[in-house]
Protein backbone atom coordinates (compact mmCIF):
# COMPACT_ATOMS: atom_id res chain seq x y z
CA UNK A 1 -16.42 -3.83 -5.59
CA UNK A 2 -17.00 -1.84 -2.64
CA UNK A 3 -19.23 1.04 -2.58
CA UNK A 4 -17.31 4.69 -2.75
CA UNK A 5 -17.11 5.49 1.13
CA UNK A 6 -16.64 9.09 -0.08
CA UNK A 7 -19.88 8.81 -1.78
CA UNK A 8 -21.62 7.46 1.33
CA UNK A 9 -20.24 9.87 3.65
CA UNK A 10 -21.36 12.65 1.41
CA UNK A 11 -24.73 11.39 1.35
CA UNK A 12 -25.19 10.78 5.38
CA UNK A 13 -23.43 14.39 5.89
CA UNK A 14 -26.72 16.01 4.36
CA UNK A 15 -28.26 15.04 7.66
CA UNK A 16 -25.57 14.97 10.12
CA UNK A 17 -22.85 16.94 8.81
CA UNK A 18 -21.03 17.41 12.44
CA UNK A 19 -21.13 13.59 12.91
CA UNK A 20 -17.05 13.01 13.65
CA UNK A 21 -15.63 10.16 11.35
CA UNK A 22 -13.98 7.68 13.46
CA UNK A 23 -9.95 7.44 12.82
CA UNK A 24 -7.89 4.44 13.49
CA UNK A 25 -4.02 5.25 13.76
CA UNK A 26 -1.73 2.48 13.02
CA UNK A 27 1.63 3.10 14.65
CA UNK A 28 2.52 5.56 17.60
CA UNK A 29 6.18 6.19 17.12
CA UNK A 30 7.55 9.66 16.00
CA UNK A 31 5.16 9.90 13.09
CA UNK A 32 2.09 8.73 14.82
CA UNK A 33 2.39 10.42 18.18
CA UNK A 34 4.07 13.75 17.11
CA UNK A 35 2.17 14.37 13.92
CA UNK A 36 -0.75 12.42 13.17
CA UNK A 37 -2.59 11.92 16.44
CA UNK A 38 -2.31 15.77 17.30
CA UNK A 39 -3.31 16.87 13.71
CA UNK A 40 -6.37 14.27 13.64
CA UNK A 41 -7.36 15.14 17.22
CA UNK A 42 -7.30 19.29 16.18
CA UNK A 43 -9.49 18.63 12.84
CA UNK A 44 -12.98 19.28 13.19
CA UNK A 45 -15.02 16.30 12.02
CA UNK A 46 -12.53 13.86 13.13
CA UNK A 47 -12.13 11.88 16.00
CA UNK A 48 -8.97 9.67 16.96
CA UNK A 49 -10.73 6.54 17.99
CA UNK A 50 -8.39 3.78 17.95
CA UNK A 51 -4.50 3.31 18.30
CA UNK A 52 -2.71 0.51 16.85
CA UNK A 53 0.54 -0.49 18.77
CA UNK A 54 1.89 -3.41 20.46
CA UNK A 55 4.36 -1.56 22.35
CA UNK A 56 3.16 -1.50 26.13
CA UNK A 57 4.93 1.94 26.77
CA UNK A 58 3.43 3.42 23.67
CA UNK A 59 -0.02 2.25 24.74
CA UNK A 60 0.27 4.03 27.98
CA UNK A 61 1.29 7.07 26.29
CA UNK A 62 -1.46 6.97 23.85
CA UNK A 63 -4.16 6.39 26.50
CA UNK A 64 -2.43 9.48 28.73
CA UNK A 65 -2.23 11.96 25.70
CA UNK A 66 -5.77 10.90 24.37
CA UNK A 67 -8.18 9.83 27.09
CA UNK A 68 -10.98 7.45 25.89
CA UNK A 69 -8.96 6.32 22.99
CA UNK A 70 -9.40 2.54 22.24
CA UNK A 71 -5.71 0.92 22.10
CA UNK A 72 -5.25 -2.39 20.41
CA UNK A 73 -2.13 -4.53 19.68
CA UNK A 74 -3.16 -5.53 16.02
CA UNK A 75 -4.68 -3.86 12.91
CA UNK A 76 -6.46 -7.04 11.94
CA UNK A 77 -9.66 -6.02 13.90
CA UNK A 78 -9.98 -2.76 11.98
CA UNK A 79 -10.75 -4.46 8.51
CA UNK A 80 -13.92 -5.69 10.15
CA UNK A 81 -15.19 -1.91 10.99
CA UNK A 82 -15.95 -0.93 7.49
CA UNK A 83 -19.37 0.05 6.31
CA UNK A 84 -21.96 2.23 7.93
CA UNK A 85 -22.51 0.98 11.28
CA UNK A 86 -21.94 2.96 14.37
CA UNK A 87 -18.70 1.70 15.19
CA UNK A 88 -17.33 2.05 11.40
CA UNK A 89 -14.16 3.59 10.66
CA UNK A 90 -14.05 6.68 8.50
CA UNK A 91 -10.17 6.63 8.02
CA UNK A 92 -7.18 4.66 8.77
CA UNK A 93 -3.87 6.35 9.15
CA UNK A 94 -0.70 4.37 8.49
CA UNK A 95 2.16 5.77 10.49
CA UNK A 96 3.78 2.43 11.09
CA UNK A 97 7.57 1.39 9.59
CA UNK A 98 8.13 1.94 6.07
CA UNK A 99 7.94 -1.76 4.87
CA UNK A 100 4.47 -2.08 6.63
CA UNK A 101 2.81 0.43 4.58
CA UNK A 102 1.97 -1.33 1.06
CA UNK A 103 0.57 -4.49 2.93
CA UNK A 104 -1.59 -2.36 5.46
CA UNK A 105 -2.73 0.10 2.82
CA UNK A 106 -3.82 -2.80 0.65
CA UNK A 107 -5.51 -4.32 3.43
CA UNK A 108 -7.49 -1.06 4.11
CA UNK A 109 -8.32 -0.50 0.67
CA UNK A 110 -9.54 -3.90 -0.11
CA UNK A 111 -12.02 -3.58 3.13
CA UNK A 112 -13.01 -0.36 1.73
CA UNK A 113 -11.90 1.95 4.45
CA UNK A 114 -10.44 5.14 3.44
CA UNK A 115 -6.63 5.54 4.12
CA UNK A 116 -3.79 8.14 4.62
CA UNK A 117 -0.34 6.67 4.32
CA UNK A 118 2.56 8.57 5.98
CA UNK A 119 5.35 9.12 3.37
CA UNK A 120 7.19 7.08 1.46
CA UNK A 121 3.77 5.36 0.31
CA UNK A 122 6.14 2.78 -0.92
CA UNK A 123 9.34 1.46 -2.11
CA UNK A 124 8.89 1.85 -5.67
CA UNK A 125 6.87 3.68 -8.02
CA UNK A 126 5.43 0.70 -9.43
CA UNK A 127 3.94 -0.37 -5.84
CA UNK A 128 2.46 3.21 -5.56
CA UNK A 129 0.71 2.93 -8.92
CA UNK A 130 -0.84 -0.51 -7.63
CA UNK A 131 -1.93 1.05 -4.71
CA UNK A 132 -3.48 3.94 -6.90
CA UNK A 133 -5.19 1.59 -9.05
CA UNK A 134 -6.53 -0.64 -5.97
CA UNK A 135 -8.24 2.54 -4.77
CA UNK A 136 -9.71 3.45 -7.85
CA UNK A 137 -11.18 -0.22 -8.40
CA UNK A 138 -12.72 -0.14 -4.85
CA UNK A 139 -13.91 3.31 -4.91
CA UNK A 140 -12.05 4.03 -2.05
CA UNK A 141 -10.08 7.30 -0.66
CA UNK A 142 -6.24 7.21 -0.76
CA UNK A 143 -4.08 9.77 0.09
CA UNK A 144 -0.46 10.40 1.33
CA UNK A 145 0.85 12.45 4.22
CA UNK A 146 3.38 15.04 2.77
CA UNK A 147 3.10 17.65 5.55
CA UNK A 148 5.90 19.57 4.29
CA UNK A 149 3.90 21.02 1.58
CA UNK A 150 2.46 23.15 4.57
CA UNK A 151 5.69 24.44 5.73
CA UNK A 152 5.71 27.98 6.17
CA UNK A 153 8.91 28.50 3.84
CA UNK A 154 7.58 26.64 1.17
CA UNK A 155 4.13 28.31 1.14
CA UNK A 156 6.32 31.37 0.98
CA UNK A 157 8.06 30.49 -2.12
CA UNK A 158 4.97 29.37 -3.60
CA UNK A 159 3.52 32.81 -3.03
CA UNK A 160 6.66 34.39 -4.39
CA UNK A 161 6.62 32.11 -7.96
CA UNK A 162 2.76 33.01 -8.01
CA UNK A 163 3.45 36.60 -7.74
CA UNK A 164 6.33 36.66 -10.24
CA UNK A 165 8.61 38.25 -7.65
CA UNK A 166 11.94 36.25 -8.74
CA UNK A 167 11.43 36.35 -12.48
CA UNK A 168 12.04 32.98 -14.48
CA UNK A 169 13.43 30.40 -12.25
CA UNK A 170 16.78 28.82 -12.94
CA UNK A 171 17.98 27.18 -9.96
CA UNK A 172 16.32 25.94 -6.79
CA UNK A 173 18.22 24.77 -3.85
CA UNK A 174 16.75 23.08 -0.98
CA UNK A 175 18.36 21.60 2.09
CA UNK A 176 17.18 19.58 4.77
CA UNK A 177 20.26 19.06 7.10
CA UNK A 178 20.98 17.78 10.58
CA UNK A 179 23.98 17.64 12.70
CA UNK A 180 23.46 13.76 14.15
CA UNK A 181 27.05 12.56 14.51
CA UNK A 182 25.91 9.64 16.61
CA UNK A 183 23.55 7.04 15.33
CA UNK A 184 20.53 6.64 16.91
CA UNK A 185 19.64 3.02 15.77
CA UNK A 186 16.51 1.44 14.34
CA UNK A 187 14.83 0.59 11.28
CA UNK A 188 15.24 4.08 9.80
CA UNK A 189 19.14 3.63 9.86
CA UNK A 190 19.07 -0.02 8.79
CA UNK A 191 20.76 -0.94 5.32
CA UNK A 192 18.58 -3.76 4.93
CA UNK A 193 16.58 -3.43 1.43
CA UNK A 194 13.28 -4.56 2.73
CA UNK A 195 13.25 -1.74 5.74
CA UNK A 196 13.24 1.16 3.21
CA UNK A 197 15.57 3.19 5.35
CA UNK A 198 18.21 5.80 5.01
CA UNK A 199 17.88 9.69 4.36
CA UNK A 200 17.03 9.30 0.64
CA UNK A 201 13.66 7.72 1.23
CA UNK A 202 13.12 9.70 4.45
CA UNK A 203 13.99 13.39 4.11
CA UNK A 204 14.58 13.19 0.53
CA UNK A 205 10.70 12.12 0.34
CA UNK A 206 10.06 15.80 1.48
CA UNK A 207 12.42 17.79 -0.69
CA UNK A 208 11.80 15.84 -3.88
CA UNK A 209 8.06 16.13 -3.30
CA UNK A 210 8.21 19.81 -2.63
CA UNK A 211 10.60 20.48 -5.86
CA UNK A 212 8.06 18.54 -8.09
CA UNK A 213 5.17 20.50 -6.76
CA UNK A 214 6.99 23.80 -7.44
CA UNK A 215 8.32 23.09 -10.83
CA UNK A 216 6.68 20.06 -12.38
CA UNK A 217 7.86 16.45 -13.61
CA UNK A 218 11.58 15.50 -13.68
CA UNK A 219 13.27 14.46 -16.92
CA UNK A 220 16.79 13.48 -15.54
CA UNK A 221 18.24 12.73 -12.11
CA UNK A 222 21.76 12.85 -10.82
CA UNK A 223 22.47 11.73 -7.54
CA UNK A 224 25.17 11.27 -4.80
CA UNK A 225 24.50 9.06 -1.74
CA UNK A 226 26.98 8.45 0.70
CA UNK A 227 27.37 6.65 4.13
CA UNK A 228 29.48 8.91 6.41
CA UNK A 229 29.07 7.82 9.88
CA UNK A 230 31.01 5.12 11.48
CA UNK A 231 28.78 2.01 11.91
CA UNK A 232 26.20 3.22 9.70
CA UNK A 233 24.43 1.11 7.05
CA UNK A 234 22.01 3.49 5.08
CA UNK A 235 22.97 7.08 3.36
CA UNK A 236 23.33 9.59 5.89
CA UNK A 237 24.44 12.35 3.31
CA UNK A 238 22.68 12.68 -0.05
CA UNK A 239 22.70 15.13 -3.04
CA UNK A 240 20.13 14.90 -5.69
CA UNK A 241 20.16 17.03 -8.80
CA UNK A 242 16.87 17.24 -10.77
CA UNK A 243 16.38 18.58 -14.27
CA UNK A 244 12.73 19.32 -14.73
CA UNK A 245 10.76 19.22 -17.98
CA UNK A 246 10.52 23.11 -18.04
CA UNK A 247 14.34 23.74 -17.71
CA UNK A 248 14.58 24.45 -13.88
CA UNK A 249 17.27 22.58 -11.91
CA UNK A 250 16.68 21.56 -8.41
CA UNK A 251 19.74 20.88 -5.92
CA UNK A 252 18.61 18.90 -3.28
CA UNK A 253 20.68 18.04 -0.10
CA UNK A 254 19.57 16.11 2.83
CA UNK A 255 22.19 15.19 5.54
CA UNK A 256 22.64 13.94 9.18
CA UNK A 257 26.12 14.98 9.08
CA UNK A 258 25.94 18.55 8.39
CA UNK A 259 28.28 20.47 11.20
CA UNK A 260 27.10 23.82 9.76
CA UNK A 261 23.69 24.18 8.29
CA UNK A 262 23.07 25.75 4.89
CA UNK A 263 20.16 27.77 4.17
CA UNK A 264 16.77 25.86 3.80
CA UNK A 265 15.85 27.33 0.40
CA UNK A 266 17.72 29.38 -2.06
CA UNK A 267 15.75 30.05 -5.24
CA UNK A 268 17.47 31.95 -7.88
CA UNK A 269 15.54 33.94 -10.70
CA UNK A 270 16.16 36.22 -13.75
CA UNK A 271 14.87 38.93 -11.52
CA UNK A 272 15.81 38.32 -7.91
CA UNK A 273 16.67 35.34 -5.55
CA UNK A 274 15.19 34.41 -2.20
CA UNK A 275 17.16 32.94 0.93
CA UNK A 276 15.66 31.56 4.14
CA UNK A 277 17.40 29.81 6.88
CA UNK A 278 15.76 27.83 9.36
CA UNK A 279 13.03 25.13 9.68
CA UNK A 280 9.48 25.55 9.83
CA UNK A 281 8.45 25.83 13.69
CA UNK A 282 5.26 23.30 13.66
CA UNK A 283 7.50 20.13 14.32
CA UNK A 284 9.37 21.71 17.31
CA UNK A 285 6.00 22.79 18.53
CA UNK A 286 4.30 19.54 18.21
CA UNK A 287 7.24 17.91 19.78
CA UNK A 288 6.79 20.24 22.82
CA UNK A 289 3.19 19.21 23.51
CA UNK A 290 1.67 22.54 21.79
CA UNK A 291 -1.38 21.82 19.65
CA UNK A 292 -2.94 23.98 16.98
CA UNK A 293 -5.69 26.32 18.39
CA UNK A 294 -4.12 26.05 21.67
CA UNK A 295 -4.08 29.19 24.01
CA UNK A 296 -1.24 31.76 24.25
CA UNK A 297 1.91 32.61 22.38
CA UNK A 298 2.53 33.09 18.76
CA UNK A 299 -0.06 31.98 16.64
CA UNK A 300 0.21 28.65 15.18
CA UNK A 301 2.72 28.37 12.28
CA UNK A 302 4.21 31.97 12.56
CA UNK A 303 7.70 32.57 13.12
CA UNK A 304 9.43 35.91 14.47
CA UNK A 305 10.51 38.68 12.08
CA UNK A 306 14.29 37.82 12.54
CA UNK A 307 13.78 34.38 10.98
CA UNK A 308 12.28 35.75 7.91
CA UNK A 309 13.89 35.15 4.32
CA UNK A 310 15.26 37.80 2.23
CA UNK A 311 14.62 38.83 -1.50
CA UNK A 312 16.93 40.83 -3.63
CA UNK A 313 19.82 40.45 -5.88
CA UNK A 314 23.76 40.74 -5.73
CA UNK A 315 24.14 41.13 -2.01
CA UNK A 316 24.45 38.16 1.05
CA UNK A 317 21.42 38.12 3.06
CA UNK A 318 23.96 37.45 5.96
CA UNK A 319 25.25 41.07 5.57
CA UNK A 320 21.57 42.48 5.18
CA UNK A 321 21.21 42.45 1.48
CA UNK A 322 17.82 42.19 0.06
CA UNK A 323 14.47 42.95 1.70
CA UNK A 324 13.08 40.60 4.43
CA UNK A 325 9.82 38.82 3.27
CA UNK A 326 7.27 38.04 5.89
CA UNK A 327 7.01 34.25 6.15
CA UNK A 328 3.46 32.84 5.19
CA UNK A 329 2.36 30.98 8.36
CA UNK A 330 2.97 27.28 8.44
CA UNK A 331 -0.27 25.30 8.27
CA UNK A 332 -0.08 21.50 9.02
CA UNK A 333 -3.74 21.27 10.03
CA UNK A 334 -4.88 22.12 6.54
CA UNK A 335 -3.70 18.51 5.34
CA UNK A 336 -6.28 16.89 7.63
CA UNK A 337 -8.94 19.62 7.04
CA UNK A 338 -8.50 18.76 3.20
CA UNK A 339 -8.94 14.96 4.05
CA UNK A 340 -12.09 15.42 6.11
CA UNK A 341 -13.51 17.56 3.44
CA UNK A 342 -12.69 15.21 0.65
CA UNK A 343 -14.26 12.33 2.58
CA UNK A 344 -17.50 14.41 3.05
CA UNK A 345 -17.85 15.52 -0.48
CA UNK A 346 -16.13 13.06 -2.50
CA UNK A 347 -13.38 15.67 -3.57
CA UNK A 348 -9.79 15.24 -4.55
CA UNK A 349 -7.40 13.99 -2.02
CA UNK A 350 -4.84 16.63 -0.98
CA UNK A 351 -1.79 14.42 -1.77
CA UNK A 352 -2.59 11.62 -4.37
CA UNK A 353 -0.91 8.22 -4.80
CA UNK A 354 0.00 9.33 -8.61
CA UNK A 355 1.79 12.24 -7.10
CA UNK A 356 3.62 9.71 -4.73
CA UNK A 357 4.69 7.58 -7.65
CA UNK A 358 6.15 10.60 -9.38
CA UNK A 359 8.18 11.23 -6.20
CA UNK A 360 9.36 7.70 -5.75
CA UNK A 361 10.19 7.37 -9.55
CA UNK A 362 12.84 10.05 -8.76
CA UNK A 363 14.00 8.43 -5.67
CA UNK A 364 14.55 5.11 -7.46
CA UNK A 365 16.37 7.27 -10.33
CA UNK A 366 18.61 8.99 -7.67
CA UNK A 367 19.53 5.62 -6.20
CA UNK A 368 20.34 4.02 -9.54
CA UNK A 369 22.45 7.18 -10.41
CA UNK A 370 24.34 7.11 -7.26
CA UNK A 371 24.99 3.44 -7.88
CA UNK A 372 26.23 3.97 -11.47
CA UNK A 373 27.74 7.26 -11.14
CA UNK A 374 25.68 8.75 -14.31
CA UNK A 375 22.56 10.81 -14.74
CA UNK A 376 19.35 8.67 -15.16
CA UNK A 377 16.32 9.75 -17.56
CA UNK A 378 12.95 9.81 -15.63
C-alpha cells in the first residue's frame, strides 16, 4: 500500500507551506483549456506544471496560454513522478474524453498520485465505487470536478433553503438548455456506448448532482431521452424526474434543441417560489479569457441586478411578480481552493467518488427508464 500523499503533504507543509504543488493536466480540449487550466493557475498553492495532449495545435495553445508549462503527448511519464522528489506531482487532473476517465484514474491512484477527474467519473456507479475503493486502499486523494455546485444560482437556492424562505419544498425544476440545431461532431455526440456521450451523461451529470446535493438520495427515477436532430446518434433532448427519499420531486431538463429557453431554476415551496433565468456567467467569462482575480469590470462570479431571480407567490416573475433576490456570486475557484486545502491537511475532498456514484446510479436508472418506459427504483 502506498503512503498517503495527503498525510505526507500535510507534514511537509509545516516547514514549507507556500511550496506550490505541481499539477499535471491530462487533456486540453474544452474542459482542460477553459476550466481546469485557468482555475488551477488561479489557485494559490497550485502550479500548472504539465499539460498532456497529443494534438499539435493544442500543444501550441497550452504553451502560449501558460508560458513555461511542460507539454507531453502521453500520460505514461506522469506515473513515474510520484513520491517526494523535487519533480514529484502533487495532483493529476483528468480532463480527457469520458472513456479514458477510469483507466487514467486507476493509473494515477495505483501510482499514489492524488487525482481530480472531470465529470462523469465513470460510465457506471459500480466503476465509480471501484475507484473509490482503490483510493481508500492506496490512501490516495480522489475527487470529481462538479463545478456547477459553485454556480451563482445554485448557491442562491442553497441559501434560500437554509434560510427557510420557501417553506417546505414540493417541486424542484432545473433546466440546462441550449439551442444547437446543428451537430458539432466529436465523441460527445457519438452513439457508441464506450464513448459515454449524449446529454444524459454530459449536462445530466450537472443537474442530477445539484438535485441530490439539495434534496438528498433518490428512490425512484423516470426519464424520457430523445434523439431529435437529423443525423444525431446520442440523446440531445432529455427529461428526468426524480422522487427523493424526503418526498421532494425534481424535474430536470437537458436539451440541445430548445428554441426558447425556460427558467434555469423554478423551486416551488409551501410558502413561496423562486424563479431564476439565465446561466451563471463564469463559463462565459473563462471562454472570453477572463480569469479570477483579474483587473477591472464586475467582480468574479457576480451578475447585474436585472438578471436576479425573483421570490414570491401567485404572480409571474415575467410581469414583475415577487421580489428580486440578489444572486450569490458564483465561485468556481472555491473548488480547487478546497482541493489544495485537502491535499495540505488530509481533509475531505470537495466532491467525493461516492457522491459521483450516487449521481451515476440515477443516470443509469434514467437510461433504463427511458428504454423500458417505466419508473425505476434506485
